[in-house]
Amino acid sequence: MLAAPPAANDAPADEQDAKLRVERGIEAWRKGDWTEVRDLLEPLVREGDIADEFLRESALRYLTEATLLDEGLGPSERDELARDYITRLLDSSPDWAPPSGLHGRRFYDLVAVVRSERDAQLAEACRGQLLSCEADLTELQVDFRASQGRIAALQEALANEDVYLTEVVKRNRGLAFLPFGVGHFTNGNRALGGTFLALEVATGAAGLGLLIYRATNYGCVRTDGFNRKSLVCTIDAPDSDLPALKDEVEAVRNAEAVMGYVFIGSVVLDIALAQVLFKPIEVVEKGQKTRRELDAELDEAESSPRPRRPRAGPGTKSKPDAKLRVRPHPAFVPAGLGLGVTLQF
């Protein structure tokens, strides 16, 4: 057989029992039966906390006065138990105050004493916390001042730190097309540039010297460009010396050709390596300064007014830049068609 569910407004059994015992305790309090009040309310308070705040406050309040007035307890025991009940009331609500004119004078006096002692303890705890906070504040202030000193020292050291100044320069690739090691000098490779410069100057000077020597000593001229059979030499010598002179001229001409080939090969290799090893950007060191000096220069530059650039009028022409331009073009030589190079600065 199924039982009907309890109604929504029915209170639990323990709550109903607590309410009944509190009402009976109040009736006993009205009759002045302090022992009966204690017998009814002490187990209720001792067993656990009452869920209903109103019942809990009523039980503790009536139990406190009954304990104070019960002659069956010793004075110290009555005072100790009553203080405990009032403390529990104040713990649940610090602003709690008993209804006026309902209880006896001893009850109100004890409530005032417990409240004052409680306030004194709270004030002492607050003073202790205040002293602890002040001590912490003093310690933090000392640490803050020490930190400020360290920060100032670090800032001073940073301001006096040396900064190495560099400048990034964009190189002109057109210079790498020039012979005599110019491209390698532009790339910063002085050893390689000096090697090609010495080789090209030596071979070019040797070839030119042999050419001048052959033209002046043997009177050799070319009548048909660089055709091997167009070389004509005019020398006043007996016929017996002609074969030897012819061998000498041939040896000088061969030496000229060797020097010419070496010169042209070195020039081609010089330009090719300069293009392969070309570095478009160069980092140039500009000395060193302290950060303080750099900051002062920056502040001065920001504070000074910037000059305005004049606008170009409709009839003005822009100035040509100073960049080197290399322009190849065909060239006509006595031996045929060749390649020429024009340099514009």
Protein backbone atom coordinates (compact mmCIF):
# COMPACT_ATOMS: atom_id res chain seq x y z
CA MET A 1 0.00 0.00 0.00
CA LEU A 2 1.52 3.34 -1.06
CA ALA A 3 1.55 6.26 1.34
CA ALA A 4 0.57 9.68 0.16
CA PRO A 5 3.52 12.10 -0.30
CA PRO A 6 3.90 14.78 2.36
CA ALA A 7 2.46 18.17 1.65
CA ALA A 8 4.79 20.89 0.43
CA ASN A 9 4.14 23.05 3.50
CA ASP A 10 4.78 20.27 6.05
CA ALA A 11 8.01 20.91 8.02
CA PRO A 12 10.47 18.05 8.68
CA ALA A 13 10.06 16.10 11.89
CA ASP A 14 13.22 17.49 13.54
CA GLU A 15 12.18 21.07 12.77
CA GLN A 16 8.71 20.49 14.22
CA ASP A 17 10.26 18.92 17.31
CA ALA A 18 12.61 21.89 17.72
CA LYS A 19 9.72 24.33 17.40
CA LEU A 20 7.66 22.38 19.95
CA ARG A 21 10.51 22.24 22.44
CA VAL A 22 11.21 25.96 22.08
CA GLU A 23 7.54 26.77 22.70
CA ARG A 24 7.51 24.53 25.79
CA GLY A 25 10.72 26.17 26.98
CA ILE A 26 9.13 29.62 26.64
CA GLU A 27 6.13 28.45 28.64
CA ALA A 28 8.45 27.15 31.37
CA TRP A 29 10.35 30.48 31.29
CA ARG A 30 7.08 32.36 31.86
CA LYS A 31 6.41 30.16 34.89
CA GLY A 32 9.92 30.80 36.23
CA ASP A 33 10.90 27.13 36.04
CA TRP A 34 14.51 27.73 35.02
CA THR A 35 15.57 24.12 35.38
CA GLU A 36 12.77 23.00 33.04
CA VAL A 37 13.86 25.61 30.50
CA ARG A 38 17.41 24.30 30.60
CA ASP A 39 16.27 20.68 30.35
CA LEU A 40 14.26 21.48 27.22
CA LEU A 41 16.61 23.84 25.39
CA GLU A 42 20.12 22.71 26.34
CA PRO A 43 19.91 19.36 24.45
CA LEU A 44 18.44 21.17 21.47
CA VAL A 45 21.29 23.67 21.40
CA ARG A 46 23.96 21.08 22.21
CA GLU A 47 22.92 18.52 19.56
CA GLY A 48 23.48 20.85 16.64
CA ASP A 49 22.64 24.10 15.04
CA ILE A 50 18.97 24.88 14.40
CA ALA A 51 18.14 25.57 10.77
CA ASP A 52 15.51 28.20 11.55
CA GLU A 53 17.28 31.41 12.53
CA PHE A 54 14.32 32.68 14.55
CA LEU A 55 14.04 29.44 16.56
CA ARG A 56 17.80 29.40 17.10
CA GLU A 57 17.85 32.98 18.38
CA SER A 58 14.86 32.36 20.67
CA ALA A 59 16.31 29.15 22.10
CA LEU A 60 19.68 30.73 22.89
CA ARG A 61 18.15 33.90 24.31
CA TYR A 62 15.70 32.21 26.71
CA LEU A 63 18.32 29.60 27.62
CA THR A 64 20.79 32.35 28.50
CA GLU A 65 18.45 34.04 30.97
CA ALA A 66 17.32 30.71 32.45
CA THR A 67 20.96 29.77 33.01
CA LEU A 68 21.66 33.09 34.76
CA LEU A 69 18.67 32.66 37.08
CA ASP A 70 19.02 28.93 37.84
CA GLU A 71 20.14 28.65 41.46
CA GLY A 72 21.07 25.01 40.93
CA LEU A 73 24.28 26.10 39.14
CA GLY A 74 27.29 27.77 40.65
CA PRO A 75 27.85 31.46 39.91
CA SER A 76 30.94 30.87 37.78
CA GLU A 77 29.28 28.05 35.86
CA ARG A 78 26.19 30.15 35.22
CA ASP A 79 28.26 33.05 33.99
CA GLU A 80 30.43 30.86 31.75
CA LEU A 81 27.47 29.09 30.11
CA ALA A 82 25.55 32.33 29.62
CA ARG A 83 28.58 34.00 28.04
CA ASP A 84 28.95 31.09 25.64
CA TYR A 85 25.31 31.37 24.52
CA ILE A 86 25.56 35.13 23.98
CA THR A 87 28.84 34.68 22.07
CA ARG A 88 27.13 32.22 19.75
CA LEU A 89 24.38 34.76 19.11
CA LEU A 90 26.93 37.46 18.30
CA ASP A 91 28.94 35.10 16.10
CA SER A 92 25.89 34.44 13.95
CA SER A 93 25.03 38.15 13.76
CA PRO A 94 27.47 40.81 15.07
CA ASP A 95 24.65 43.40 15.10
CA TRP A 96 22.36 41.22 17.19
CA ALA A 97 20.57 42.93 20.09
CA PRO A 98 17.96 41.41 22.43
CA PRO A 99 14.44 42.85 22.51
CA SER A 100 14.17 45.55 25.15
CA GLY A 101 12.01 45.17 28.25
CA LEU A 102 11.52 41.41 27.89
CA HIS A 103 14.31 40.00 30.05
CA GLY A 104 15.85 40.86 33.37
CA ARG A 105 18.57 43.38 34.12
CA ARG A 106 21.24 40.72 34.67
CA PHE A 107 20.64 39.44 31.16
CA TYR A 108 21.03 42.88 29.54
CA ASP A 109 24.09 43.68 31.64
CA LEU A 110 25.79 40.43 30.61
CA VAL A 111 24.97 41.08 26.95
CA ALA A 112 26.55 44.53 27.23
CA VAL A 113 29.66 43.11 28.94
CA VAL A 114 30.13 40.34 26.38
CA ARG A 115 29.61 42.78 23.52
CA SER A 116 32.14 45.25 24.96
CA GLU A 117 34.69 42.48 25.52
CA ARG A 118 34.10 41.21 22.03
CA ASP A 119 34.51 44.71 20.57
CA ALA A 120 37.70 45.15 22.59
CA GLN A 121 39.09 41.88 21.25
CA LEU A 122 38.18 42.87 17.70
CA ALA A 123 39.79 46.28 18.20
CA GLU A 124 42.93 44.64 19.56
CA ALA A 125 42.98 42.28 16.59
CA CYS A 126 42.55 45.25 14.27
CA ARG A 127 45.41 47.06 16.01
CA GLY A 128 47.56 43.97 15.62
CA GLN A 129 46.69 43.76 11.95
CA LEU A 130 47.37 47.48 11.60
CA LEU A 131 50.81 47.10 13.19
CA SER A 132 51.53 44.13 10.97
CA CYS A 133 50.42 46.09 7.90
CA GLU A 134 52.53 49.08 8.96
CA ALA A 135 55.54 46.81 9.40
CA ASP A 136 54.91 45.30 5.99
CA LEU A 137 54.52 48.79 4.53
CA THR A 138 57.82 49.90 6.06
CA GLU A 139 59.56 46.84 4.68
CA LEU A 140 58.03 47.42 1.26
CA GLN A 141 59.09 51.07 1.33
CA VAL A 142 62.66 50.04 2.14
CA ASP A 143 62.62 47.51 -0.68
CA PHE A 144 61.10 50.12 -3.01
CA ARG A 145 63.81 52.67 -2.21
CA ALA A 146 66.48 50.03 -2.71
CA SER A 147 64.91 49.05 -6.02
CA GLN A 148 64.77 52.70 -7.09
CA GLY A 149 68.47 53.03 -6.27
CA ARG A 150 69.32 49.94 -8.29
CA ILE A 151 67.19 51.19 -11.19
CA ALA A 152 68.94 54.57 -11.10
CA ALA A 153 72.35 52.85 -11.08
CA LEU A 154 71.35 50.65 -14.01
CA GLN A 155 70.02 53.65 -15.94
CA GLU A 156 73.26 55.54 -15.30
CA ALA A 157 75.32 52.57 -16.47
CA LEU A 158 73.10 52.24 -19.54
CA ALA A 159 73.44 55.95 -20.33
CA ASN A 160 77.25 55.68 -20.15
CA GLU A 161 77.38 52.52 -22.25
CA ASP A 162 79.27 52.83 -25.52
CA VAL A 163 77.29 52.30 -28.71
CA TYR A 164 79.12 51.46 -31.91
CA LEU A 165 77.73 53.44 -34.84
CA THR A 166 77.48 51.84 -38.25
CA GLU A 167 76.15 52.98 -41.59
CA VAL A 168 74.72 50.76 -44.30
CA VAL A 169 75.96 51.88 -47.73
CA LYS A 170 74.45 50.56 -50.95
CA ARG A 171 77.16 49.71 -53.47
CA ASN A 172 77.03 50.38 -57.20
CA ARG A 173 77.23 47.20 -59.28
CA GLY A 174 78.43 49.23 -62.26
CA LEU A 175 81.84 49.66 -60.61
CA ALA A 176 82.25 45.89 -60.64
CA PHE A 177 82.39 46.00 -64.46
CA LEU A 178 85.62 48.05 -64.40
CA PRO A 179 88.98 46.28 -64.81
CA PHE A 180 92.20 46.76 -62.84
CA GLY A 181 90.62 45.33 -59.65
CA VAL A 182 88.18 48.23 -59.21
CA GLY A 183 85.27 45.84 -58.56
CA HIS A 184 87.20 43.97 -55.88
CA PHE A 185 88.27 47.20 -54.19
CA THR A 186 84.59 48.22 -54.20
CA ASN A 187 83.66 44.92 -52.52
CA GLY A 188 86.31 45.51 -49.87
CA ASN A 189 88.60 42.68 -51.07
CA ARG A 190 91.82 44.64 -51.35
CA ALA A 191 94.13 41.63 -51.68
CA LEU A 192 92.29 40.25 -54.71
CA GLY A 193 91.93 43.72 -56.21
CA GLY A 194 95.65 44.40 -55.79
CA THR A 195 96.51 41.05 -57.40
CA PHE A 196 94.44 41.76 -60.50
CA LEU A 197 95.68 45.34 -60.64
CA ALA A 198 99.32 44.23 -60.60
CA LEU A 199 98.72 41.41 -63.10
CA GLU A 200 96.82 43.57 -65.58
CA VAL A 201 99.22 46.50 -65.31
CA ALA A 202 102.24 44.21 -65.71
CA THR A 203 100.90 42.29 -68.70
CA GLY A 204 99.46 45.40 -70.34
CA ALA A 205 102.68 47.36 -69.86
CA ALA A 206 104.79 44.44 -71.11
CA GLY A 207 102.64 43.98 -74.20
CA LEU A 208 102.62 47.69 -74.93
CA GLY A 209 106.38 47.90 -74.41
CA LEU A 210 107.00 45.01 -76.81
CA LEU A 211 104.72 46.66 -79.37
CA ILE A 212 106.59 49.96 -79.09
CA TYR A 213 109.94 48.13 -79.18
CA ARG A 214 108.99 46.28 -82.38
CA ALA A 215 107.67 49.41 -84.05
CA THR A 216 110.70 51.57 -83.23
CA ASN A 217 113.56 49.08 -83.64
CA TYR A 218 112.26 47.07 -86.58
CA GLY A 219 109.97 49.62 -88.24
CA CYS A 220 107.07 47.16 -88.27
CA VAL A 221 103.59 48.39 -89.25
CA ARG A 222 100.36 46.62 -90.20
CA THR A 223 98.80 47.34 -93.55
CA ASP A 224 95.65 45.18 -93.17
CA GLY A 225 94.48 45.34 -89.57
CA PHE A 226 95.37 42.32 -87.46
CA ASN A 227 95.92 40.01 -90.42
CA ARG A 228 99.07 37.98 -89.75
CA LYS A 229 100.36 38.53 -93.30
CA SER A 230 99.83 42.32 -93.14
CA LEU A 231 102.85 42.92 -90.88
CA VAL A 232 105.58 44.79 -92.81
CA CYS A 233 108.96 45.58 -91.23
CA THR A 234 111.51 47.95 -92.77
CA ILE A 235 115.12 47.36 -91.64
CA ASP A 236 118.39 48.43 -93.28
CA ALA A 237 120.50 45.27 -92.94
CA PRO A 238 122.50 42.95 -95.20
CA ASP A 239 120.73 39.94 -96.70
CA SER A 240 122.71 37.55 -94.53
CA ASP A 241 121.13 39.02 -91.39
CA LEU A 242 117.55 38.92 -92.63
CA PRO A 243 116.70 35.38 -91.41
CA ALA A 244 117.93 36.19 -87.91
CA LEU A 245 116.06 39.50 -87.85
CA LYS A 246 112.93 37.76 -89.07
CA ASP A 247 113.17 35.29 -86.19
CA GLU A 248 113.63 38.16 -83.74
CA VAL A 249 110.57 39.97 -85.05
CA GLU A 250 108.56 36.74 -84.90
CA ALA A 251 109.65 36.14 -81.29
CA VAL A 252 108.73 39.70 -80.29
CA ARG A 253 105.35 39.35 -82.01
CA ASN A 254 104.67 36.04 -80.25
CA ALA A 255 105.59 37.60 -76.91
CA GLU A 256 103.18 40.44 -77.68
CA ALA A 257 100.41 37.94 -78.39
CA VAL A 258 101.09 36.06 -75.15
CA MET A 259 101.00 39.27 -73.12
CA GLY A 260 97.82 40.33 -74.91
CA TYR A 261 96.08 37.03 -74.21
CA VAL A 262 97.15 37.12 -70.58
CA PHE A 263 95.96 40.72 -70.25
CA ILE A 264 92.56 40.03 -71.83
CA GLY A 265 92.11 36.84 -69.80
CA SER A 266 92.97 38.59 -66.56
CA VAL A 267 90.52 41.40 -67.35
CA VAL A 268 87.71 38.93 -68.11
CA LEU A 269 88.46 36.91 -64.98
CA ASP A 270 88.70 40.11 -62.93
CA ILE A 271 85.26 41.33 -64.03
CA ALA A 272 83.65 37.89 -63.71
CA LEU A 273 84.92 37.36 -60.16
CA ALA A 274 83.89 40.90 -59.22
CA GLN A 275 80.33 40.15 -60.34
CA VAL A 276 80.22 36.80 -58.52
CA LEU A 277 81.66 38.20 -55.30
CA PHE A 278 79.70 41.46 -55.46
CA LYS A 279 78.14 42.55 -52.15
CA PRO A 280 75.28 45.01 -52.68
CA ILE A 281 75.45 46.37 -49.12
CA GLU A 282 78.43 47.56 -47.11
CA VAL A 283 78.39 48.20 -43.35
CA VAL A 284 80.73 51.08 -42.50
CA GLU A 285 81.77 51.80 -38.91
CA LYS A 286 81.26 55.45 -37.93
CA GLY A 287 82.90 55.42 -34.50
CA GLN A 288 81.26 55.11 -31.10
CA LYS A 289 79.26 57.30 -28.71
CA THR A 290 77.52 56.88 -25.39
CA ARG A 291 73.77 56.45 -25.18
CA ARG A 292 73.56 59.75 -23.30
CA GLU A 293 75.15 61.58 -26.23
CA LEU A 294 72.87 59.84 -28.72
CA ASP A 295 69.77 60.72 -26.69
CA ALA A 296 70.91 64.35 -26.45
CA GLU A 297 71.46 64.53 -30.21
CA LEU A 298 68.07 62.93 -30.84
CA ASP A 299 66.30 65.38 -28.52
CA GLU A 300 68.09 68.29 -30.17
CA ALA A 301 67.13 67.03 -33.63
CA GLU A 302 63.48 66.65 -32.62
CA SER A 303 63.33 70.10 -31.03
CA SER A 304 64.93 71.93 -33.96
CA PRO A 305 62.55 72.93 -36.80
CA ARG A 306 62.89 70.95 -39.97
CA PRO A 307 63.60 72.98 -43.15
CA ARG A 308 60.99 72.68 -45.83
CA ARG A 309 62.07 71.40 -49.19
CA PRO A 310 61.26 73.83 -52.01
CA ARG A 311 58.77 72.54 -54.50
CA ALA A 312 59.99 72.17 -58.03
CA GLY A 313 58.31 74.51 -60.47
CA PRO A 314 56.91 73.46 -63.81
CA GLY A 315 59.99 74.73 -65.66
CA THR A 316 62.66 73.35 -63.37
CA LYS A 317 64.58 70.23 -64.28
CA SER A 318 65.75 67.66 -61.84
CA LYS A 319 69.50 67.29 -61.51
CA PRO A 320 70.94 64.06 -62.83
CA ASP A 321 72.15 61.64 -60.20
CA ALA A 322 75.81 60.85 -59.77
CA LYS A 323 75.48 57.11 -60.34
CA LEU A 324 77.78 55.32 -62.72
CA ARG A 325 76.04 53.95 -65.82
CA VAL A 326 77.59 51.26 -67.99
CA ARG A 327 76.20 51.00 -71.52
CA PRO A 328 77.53 48.36 -73.95
CA HIS A 329 77.44 49.13 -77.68
CA PRO A 330 78.84 47.63 -80.88
CA ALA A 331 82.24 48.85 -82.05
CA PHE A 332 83.93 48.64 -85.43
CA VAL A 333 87.64 47.83 -85.40
CA PRO A 334 90.09 47.24 -88.27
CA ALA A 335 89.79 43.46 -87.80
CA GLY A 336 85.97 43.48 -87.83
CA LEU A 337 83.05 43.95 -85.40
CA GLY A 338 83.64 44.21 -81.63
CA LEU A 339 81.96 45.18 -78.36
CA GLY A 340 82.50 48.55 -76.73
CA VAL A 341 81.55 49.90 -73.29
CA THR A 342 80.56 53.50 -72.49
CA LEU A 343 80.84 54.73 -68.90
CA GLN A 344 78.70 57.71 -67.84
CA PHE A 345 79.24 59.46 -64.48
